[in-house]
PDB file of N, CA and C in Angstrom:
ATOM      1  N   MET A   1     -28.473-108.861-187.492  1.00  0.00           N
ATOM      2  CA  MET A   1     -28.709-107.937-188.574  1.00  0.00           C
ATOM      3  C   MET A   1     -27.782-108.314-189.735  1.00  0.00           C
ATOM      4  N   THR A   2     -28.309-108.366-190.934  1.00  0.00           N
ATOM      5  CA  THR A   2     -27.516-108.746-192.098  1.00  0.00           C
ATOM      6  C   THR A   2     -26.753-107.545-192.650  1.00  0.00           C
ATOM      7  N   GLU A   3     -25.770-107.836-193.490  1.00  0.00           N
ATOM      8  CA  GLU A   3     -24.998-106.781-194.146  1.00  0.00           C
ATOM      9  C   GLU A   3     -25.925-105.851-194.931  1.00  0.00           C
ATOM     10  N   SER A   4     -26.867-106.422-195.643  1.00  0.00           N
ATOM     11  CA  SER A   4     -27.813-105.633-196.435  1.00  0.00           C
ATOM     12  C   SER A   4     -28.645-104.691-195.558  1.00  0.00           C
ATOM     13  N   GLU A   5     -29.111-105.192-194.403  1.00  0.00           N
ATOM     14  CA  GLU A   5     -29.907-104.355-193.491  1.00  0.00           C
ATOM     15  C   GLU A   5     -29.074-103.201-192.922  1.00  0.00           C
ATOM     16  N   ILE A   6     -27.831-103.482-192.581  1.00  0.00           N
ATOM     17  CA  ILE A   6     -26.952-102.433-192.067  1.00  0.00           C
ATOM     18  C   ILE A   6     -26.717-101.369-193.126  1.00  0.00           C
ATOM     19  N   LEU A   7     -26.412-101.793-194.339  1.00  0.00           N
ATOM     20  CA  LEU A   7     -26.175-100.841-195.429  1.00  0.00           C
ATOM     21  C   LEU A   7     -27.397 -99.982-195.698  1.00  0.00           C
ATOM     22  N   THR A   8     -28.570-100.589-195.672  1.00  0.00           N
ATOM     23  CA  THR A   8     -29.809 -99.841-195.903  1.00  0.00           C
ATOM     24  C   THR A   8     -30.024 -98.805-194.823  1.00  0.00           C
ATOM     25  N   ARG A   9     -29.812 -99.173-193.558  1.00  0.00           N
ATOM     26  CA  ARG A   9     -29.999 -98.217-192.455  1.00  0.00           C
ATOM     27  C   ARG A   9     -29.024 -97.051-192.548  1.00  0.00           C
ATOM     28  N   ILE A  10     -27.776 -97.344-192.872  1.00  0.00           N
ATOM     29  CA  ILE A  10     -26.788 -96.269-192.988  1.00  0.00           C
ATOM     30  C   ILE A  10     -27.120 -95.368-194.176  1.00  0.00           C
ATOM     31  N   ALA A  11     -27.594 -95.944-195.265  1.00  0.00           N
ATOM     32  CA  ALA A  11     -27.961 -95.137-196.426  1.00  0.00           C
ATOM     33  C   ALA A  11     -29.121 -94.199-196.104  1.00  0.00           C
ATOM     34  N   GLU A  12     -30.046 -94.651-195.272  1.00  0.00           N
ATOM     35  CA  GLU A  12     -31.201 -93.824-194.912  1.00  0.00           C
ATOM     36  C   GLU A  12     -30.824 -92.693-193.964  1.00  0.00           C
ATOM     37  N   LYS A  13     -29.923 -92.953-193.030  1.00  0.00           N
ATOM     38  CA  LYS A  13     -29.549 -91.946-192.029  1.00  0.00           C
ATOM     39  C   LYS A  13     -28.095 -92.164-191.609  1.00  0.00           C
ATOM     40  N   PRO A  14     -27.146 -91.501-192.307  1.00  0.00           N
ATOM     41  CA  PRO A  14     -25.734 -91.732-192.022  1.00  0.00           C
ATOM     42  C   PRO A  14     -25.175 -90.936-190.839  1.00  0.00           C
ATOM     43  N   ASP A  15     -26.027 -90.275-190.061  1.00  0.00           N
ATOM     44  CA  ASP A  15     -25.553 -89.495-188.916  1.00  0.00           C
ATOM     45  C   ASP A  15     -25.345 -90.382-187.693  1.00  0.00           C
ATOM     46  N   PHE A  16     -24.341 -90.033-186.913  1.00  0.00           N
ATOM     47  CA  PHE A  16     -24.036 -90.699-185.652  1.00  0.00           C
ATOM     48  C   PHE A  16     -23.785 -89.597-184.623  1.00  0.00           C
ATOM     49  N   PRO A  17     -24.875 -88.972-184.105  1.00  0.00           N
ATOM     50  CA  PRO A  17     -24.736 -87.793-183.248  1.00  0.00           C
ATOM     51  C   PRO A  17     -23.658 -87.973-182.186  1.00  0.00           C
ATOM     52  N   PRO A  18     -22.809 -86.973-182.002  1.00  0.00           N
ATOM     53  CA  PRO A  18     -22.846 -85.619-182.566  1.00  0.00           C
ATOM     54  C   PRO A  18     -22.213 -85.504-183.945  1.00  0.00           C
ATOM     55  N   LEU A  19     -21.835 -86.610-184.558  1.00  0.00           N
ATOM     56  CA  LEU A  19     -21.235 -86.577-185.889  1.00  0.00           C
ATOM     57  C   LEU A  19     -22.305 -86.471-186.969  1.00  0.00           C
ATOM     58  N   ARG A  20     -22.027 -85.663-187.986  1.00  0.00           N
ATOM     59  CA  ARG A  20     -22.904 -85.584-189.155  1.00  0.00           C
ATOM     60  C   ARG A  20     -22.262 -86.401-190.267  1.00  0.00           C
ATOM     61  N   GLY A  21     -23.040 -87.284-190.856  1.00  0.00           N
ATOM     62  CA  GLY A  21     -22.501 -88.181-191.871  1.00  0.00           C
ATOM     63  C   GLY A  21     -23.016 -87.895-193.259  1.00  0.00           C
ATOM     64  N   THR A  22     -22.149 -88.165-194.236  1.00  0.00           N
ATOM     65  CA  THR A  22     -22.505 -88.070-195.649  1.00  0.00           C
ATOM     66  C   THR A  22     -21.919 -89.283-196.351  1.00  0.00           C
ATOM     67  N   ILE A  23     -22.722 -89.948-197.136  1.00  0.00           N
ATOM     68  CA  ILE A  23     -22.215 -91.091-197.890  1.00  0.00           C
ATOM     69  C   ILE A  23     -21.614 -90.566-199.185  1.00  0.00           C
ATOM     70  N   GLU A  24     -20.344 -90.857-199.380  1.00  0.00           N
ATOM     71  CA  GLU A  24     -19.625 -90.387-200.567  1.00  0.00           C
ATOM     72  C   GLU A  24     -19.808 -91.347-201.739  1.00  0.00           C
ATOM     73  N   GLU A  25     -19.720 -92.632-201.465  1.00  0.00           N
ATOM     74  CA  GLU A  25     -19.887 -93.658-202.493  1.00  0.00           C
ATOM     75  C   GLU A  25     -20.674 -94.811-201.897  1.00  0.00           C
ATOM     76  N   PHE A  26     -21.701 -95.253-202.618  1.00  0.00           N
ATOM     77  CA  PHE A  26     -22.527 -96.346-202.117  1.00  0.00           C
ATOM     78  C   PHE A  26     -23.336 -96.926-203.257  1.00  0.00           C
ATOM     79  N   ASN A  27     -23.222 -98.224-203.457  1.00  0.00           N
ATOM     80  CA  ASN A  27     -24.029 -98.929-204.440  1.00  0.00           C
ATOM     81  C   ASN A  27     -24.507-100.214-203.776  1.00  0.00           C
ATOM     82  N   PRO A  28     -25.714-100.201-203.218  1.00  0.00           N
ATOM     83  CA  PRO A  28     -26.182-101.354-202.431  1.00  0.00           C
ATOM     84  C   PRO A  28     -26.396-102.635-203.207  1.00  0.00           C
ATOM     85  N   THR A  29     -26.469-102.565-204.520  1.00  0.00           N
ATOM     86  CA  THR A  29     -26.738-103.787-205.280  1.00  0.00           C
ATOM     87  C   THR A  29     -25.513-104.332-205.988  1.00  0.00           C
ATOM     88  N   LEU A  30     -24.458-103.524-206.131  1.00  0.00           N
ATOM     89  CA  LEU A  30     -23.295-103.975-206.877  1.00  0.00           C
ATOM     90  C   LEU A  30     -22.024-103.465-206.212  1.00  0.00           C
ATOM     91  N   PHE A  31     -21.271-104.366-205.595  1.00  0.00           N
ATOM     92  CA  PHE A  31     -20.028-103.982-204.930  1.00  0.00           C
ATOM     93  C   PHE A  31     -18.821-104.433-205.747  1.00  0.00           C
ATOM     94  N   LEU A  32     -18.940-104.428-207.057  1.00  0.00           N
ATOM     95  CA  LEU A  32     -17.833-104.862-207.898  1.00  0.00           C
ATOM     96  C   LEU A  32     -17.281-103.676-208.677  1.00  0.00           C
ATOM     97  N   ASN A  33     -15.970-103.626-208.778  1.00  0.00           N
ATOM     98  CA  ASN A  33     -15.307-102.554-209.497  1.00  0.00           C
ATOM     99  C   ASN A  33     -14.226-103.183-210.376  1.00  0.00           C
ATOM    100  N   SER A  34     -14.447-103.159-211.667  1.00  0.00           N
ATOM    101  CA  SER A  34     -13.490-103.749-212.619  1.00  0.00           C
ATOM    102  C   SER A  34     -13.194-105.212-212.309  1.00  0.00           C
ATOM    103  N   GLY A  35     -14.198-105.939-211.870  1.00  0.00           N
ATOM    104  CA  GLY A  35     -14.024-107.352-211.592  1.00  0.00           C
ATOM    105  C   GLY A  35     -13.458-107.658-210.218  1.00  0.00           C
ATOM    106  N   GLU A  36     -13.057-106.630-209.463  1.00  0.00           N
ATOM    107  CA  GLU A  36     -12.531-106.843-208.116  1.00  0.00           C
ATOM    108  C   GLU A  36     -13.512-106.283-207.106  1.00  0.00           C
ATOM    109  N   LYS A  37     -13.637-106.945-205.976  1.00  0.00           N
ATOM    110  CA  LYS A  37     -14.562-106.485-204.946  1.00  0.00           C
ATOM    111  C   LYS A  37     -14.050-105.182-204.345  1.00  0.00           C
ATOM    112  N   SER A  38     -14.950-104.239-204.186  1.00  0.00           N
ATOM    113  CA  SER A  38     -14.591-102.955-203.602  1.00  0.00           C
ATOM    114  C   SER A  38     -15.228-102.838-202.221  1.00  0.00           C
ATOM    115  N   ALA A  39     -14.916-101.766-201.518  1.00  0.00           N
ATOM    116  CA  ALA A  39     -15.509-101.532-200.200  1.00  0.00           C
ATOM    117  C   ALA A  39     -17.015-101.314-200.345  1.00  0.00           C
ATOM    118  N   ASP A  40     -17.745-101.543-199.251  1.00  0.00           N
ATOM    119  CA  ASP A  40     -19.190-101.382-199.286  1.00  0.00           C
ATOM    120  C   ASP A  40     -19.606 -99.925-199.433  1.00  0.00           C
ATOM    121  N   LEU A  41     -18.900 -99.023-198.754  1.00  0.00           N
ATOM    122  CA  LEU A  41     -19.202 -97.606-198.923  1.00  0.00           C
ATOM    123  C   LEU A  41     -18.065 -96.748-198.403  1.00  0.00           C
ATOM    124  N   VAL A  42     -18.099 -95.483-198.815  1.00  0.00           N
ATOM    125  CA  VAL A  42     -17.188 -94.472-198.283  1.00  0.00           C
ATOM    126  C   VAL A  42     -18.066 -93.476-197.545  1.00  0.00           C
ATOM    127  N   LEU A  43     -17.767 -93.277-196.263  1.00  0.00           N
ATOM    128  CA  LEU A  43     -18.578 -92.439-195.390  1.00  0.00           C
ATOM    129  C   LEU A  43     -17.737 -91.261-194.916  1.00  0.00           C
ATOM    130  N   ALA A  44     -18.261 -90.049-195.078  1.00  0.00           N
ATOM    131  CA  ALA A  44     -17.595 -88.851-194.559  1.00  0.00           C
ATOM    132  C   ALA A  44     -18.320 -88.431-193.287  1.00  0.00           C
ATOM    133  N   LEU A  45     -17.568 -88.215-192.206  1.00  0.00           N
ATOM    134  CA  LEU A  45     -18.140 -87.769-190.942  1.00  0.00           C
ATOM    135  C   LEU A  45     -17.576 -86.401-190.592  1.00  0.00           C
ATOM    136  N   GLU A  46     -18.450 -85.527-190.081  1.00  0.00           N
ATOM    137  CA  GLU A  46     -18.043 -84.174-189.735  1.00  0.00           C
ATOM    138  C   GLU A  46     -18.429 -83.867-188.295  1.00  0.00           C
ATOM    139  N   TRP A  47     -17.491 -83.195-187.595  1.00  0.00           N
ATOM    140  CA  TRP A  47     -17.722 -82.780-186.217  1.00  0.00           C
ATOM    141  C   TRP A  47     -16.836 -81.587-185.928  1.00  0.00           C
ATOM    142  N   GLU A  48     -17.423 -80.537-185.399  1.00  0.00           N
ATOM    143  CA  GLU A  48     -16.710 -79.309-185.072  1.00  0.00           C
ATOM    144  C   GLU A  48     -15.852 -78.826-186.236  1.00  0.00           C
ATOM    145  N   ASN A  49     -16.463 -78.739-187.414  1.00  0.00           N
ATOM    146  CA  ASN A  49     -15.824 -78.259-188.642  1.00  0.00           C
ATOM    147  C   ASN A  49     -14.640 -79.098-189.106  1.00  0.00           C
ATOM    148  N   GLN A  50     -14.522 -80.303-188.626  1.00  0.00           N
ATOM    149  CA  GLN A  50     -13.506 -81.246-189.084  1.00  0.00           C
ATOM    150  C   GLN A  50     -14.209 -82.369-189.844  1.00  0.00           C
ATOM    151  N   ARG A  51     -13.708 -82.685-191.028  1.00  0.00           N
ATOM    152  CA  ARG A  51     -14.341 -83.706-191.868  1.00  0.00           C
ATOM    153  C   ARG A  51     -13.318 -84.793-192.191  1.00  0.00           C
ATOM    154  N   ARG A  52     -13.716 -86.030-192.000  1.00  0.00           N
ATOM    155  CA  ARG A  52     -12.851 -87.173-192.289  1.00  0.00           C
ATOM    156  C   ARG A  52     -13.643 -88.217-193.076  1.00  0.00           C
ATOM    157  N   LYS A  53     -12.943 -88.886-193.993  1.00  0.00           N
ATOM    158  CA  LYS A  53     -13.561 -89.954-194.774  1.00  0.00           C
ATOM    159  C   LYS A  53     -13.120 -91.306-194.246  1.00  0.00           C
ATOM    160  N   PHE A  54     -14.064 -92.258-194.277  1.00  0.00           N
ATOM    161  CA  PHE A  54     -13.813 -93.615-193.816  1.00  0.00           C
ATOM    162  C   PHE A  54     -14.264 -94.599-194.880  1.00  0.00           C
ATOM    163  N   VAL A  55     -13.442 -95.566-195.168  1.00  0.00           N
ATOM    164  CA  VAL A  55     -13.813 -96.652-196.065  1.00  0.00           C
ATOM    165  C   VAL A  55     -14.435 -97.721-195.190  1.00  0.00           C
ATOM    166  N   VAL A  56     -15.636 -98.169-195.554  1.00  0.00           N
ATOM    167  CA  VAL A  56     -16.397 -99.097-194.723  1.00  0.00           C
ATOM    168  C   VAL A  56     -16.581-100.424-195.456  1.00  0.00           C
ATOM    169  N   GLU A  57     -16.282-101.490-194.752  1.00  0.00           N
ATOM    170  CA  GLU A  57     -16.492-102.842-195.271  1.00  0.00           C
ATOM    171  C   GLU A  57     -17.207-103.644-194.200  1.00  0.00           C
ATOM    172  N   PHE A  58     -18.363-104.192-194.531  1.00  0.00           N
ATOM    173  CA  PHE A  58     -19.140-104.992-193.595  1.00  0.00           C
ATOM    174  C   PHE A  58     -18.882-106.470-193.823  1.00  0.00           C
ATOM    175  N   LYS A  59     -18.764-107.202-192.729  1.00  0.00           N
ATOM    176  CA  LYS A  59     -18.620-108.654-192.784  1.00  0.00           C
ATOM    177  C   LYS A  59     -19.646-109.278-191.863  1.00  0.00           C
ATOM    178  N   GLY A  60     -20.187-110.410-192.256  1.00  0.00           N
ATOM    179  CA  GLY A  60     -21.188-111.106-191.463  1.00  0.00           C
ATOM    180  C   GLY A  60     -20.605-111.871-190.294  1.00  0.00           C
ATOM    181  N   GLN A  61     -19.293-112.043-190.284  1.00  0.00           N
ATOM    182  CA  GLN A  61     -18.608-112.763-189.223  1.00  0.00           C
ATOM    183  C   GLN A  61     -17.583-111.851-188.564  1.00  0.00           C
ATOM    184  N   SER A  62     -17.226-112.167-187.326  1.00  0.00           N
ATOM    185  CA  SER A  62     -16.256-111.331-186.622  1.00  0.00           C
ATOM    186  C   SER A  62     -14.950-112.058-186.310  1.00  0.00           C
ATOM    187  N   ALA A  63     -14.720-113.178-186.933  1.00  0.00           N
ATOM    188  CA  ALA A  63     -13.488-113.934-186.703  1.00  0.00           C
ATOM    189  C   ALA A  63     -12.288-113.145-187.239  1.00  0.00           C
ATOM    190  N   PRO A  64     -11.096-113.341-186.651  1.00  0.00           N
ATOM    191  CA  PRO A  64      -9.905-112.617-187.102  1.00  0.00           C
ATOM    192  C   PRO A  64      -9.632-112.741-188.599  1.00  0.00           C
ATOM    193  N   SER A  65      -9.895-113.885-189.173  1.00  0.00           N
ATOM    194  CA  SER A  65      -9.646-114.056-190.607  1.00  0.00           C
ATOM    195  C   SER A  65     -10.558-113.157-191.445  1.00  0.00           C
ATOM    196  N   TYR A  66     -11.799-112.935-190.997  1.00  0.00           N
ATOM    197  CA  TYR A  66     -12.716-112.042-191.713  1.00  0.00           C
ATOM    198  C   TYR A  66     -12.239-110.594-191.604  1.00  0.00           C
ATOM    199  N   LEU A  67     -11.752-110.215-190.415  1.00  0.00           N
ATOM    200  CA  LEU A  67     -11.232-108.860-190.226  1.00  0.00           C
ATOM    201  C   LEU A  67     -10.011-108.629-191.104  1.00  0.00           C
ATOM    202  N   ALA A  68      -9.107-109.581-191.145  1.00  0.00           N
ATOM    203  CA  ALA A  68      -7.914-109.457-191.990  1.00  0.00           C
ATOM    204  C   ALA A  68      -8.306-109.327-193.454  1.00  0.00           C
ATOM    205  N   GLY A  69      -9.284-110.103-193.883  1.00  0.00           N
ATOM    206  CA  GLY A  69      -9.762-110.018-195.270  1.00  0.00           C
ATOM    207  C   GLY A  69     -10.390-108.675-195.581  1.00  0.00           C
ATOM    208  N   ALA A  70     -11.154-108.134-194.631  1.00  0.00           N
ATOM    209  CA  ALA A  70     -11.791-106.831-194.824  1.00  0.00           C
ATOM    210  C   ALA A  70     -10.748-105.726-194.932  1.00  0.00           C
ATOM    211  N   ILE A  71      -9.717-105.803-194.105  1.00  0.00           N
ATOM    212  CA  ILE A  71      -8.649-104.797-194.152  1.00  0.00           C
ATOM    213  C   ILE A  71      -7.952-104.824-195.506  1.00  0.00           C
ATOM    214  N   GLU A  72      -7.642-106.000-195.997  1.00  0.00           N
ATOM    215  CA  GLU A  72      -7.004-106.115-197.308  1.00  0.00           C
ATOM    216  C   GLU A  72      -7.926-105.609-198.417  1.00  0.00           C
ATOM    217  N   GLN A  73      -9.196-105.882-198.278  1.00  0.00           N
ATOM    218  CA  GLN A  73     -10.165-105.483-199.303  1.00  0.00           C
ATOM    219  C   GLN A  73     -10.266-103.964-199.435  1.00  0.00           C
ATOM    220  N   VAL A  74     -10.276-103.248-198.325  1.00  0.00           N
ATOM    221  CA  VAL A  74     -10.417-101.788-198.411  1.00  0.00           C
ATOM    222  C   VAL A  74      -9.116-101.095-198.808  1.00  0.00           C
ATOM    223  N   ARG A  75      -7.992-101.773-198.628  1.00  0.00           N
ATOM    224  CA  ARG A  75      -6.717-101.195-199.077  1.00  0.00           C
ATOM    225  C   ARG A  75      -6.736-101.050-200.575  1.00  0.00           C
TER     226      ARG A  75
END
């Protein structure tokens, strides 16, 4: 599954039962902010009246270097 396909699926239905999801920020065609790459989306999840926000960054590879880059990117 490509990054684009994952983003599209999450945009259509951001719930992960029993968690209820809401997308706070999402721009599927442009992930640039002031010339710097930004996170792919900000997702809010709610469960038992508790709400938490998560910064989400998708990578096509799972190598440690890609994970390290994703962590730096969302910071």
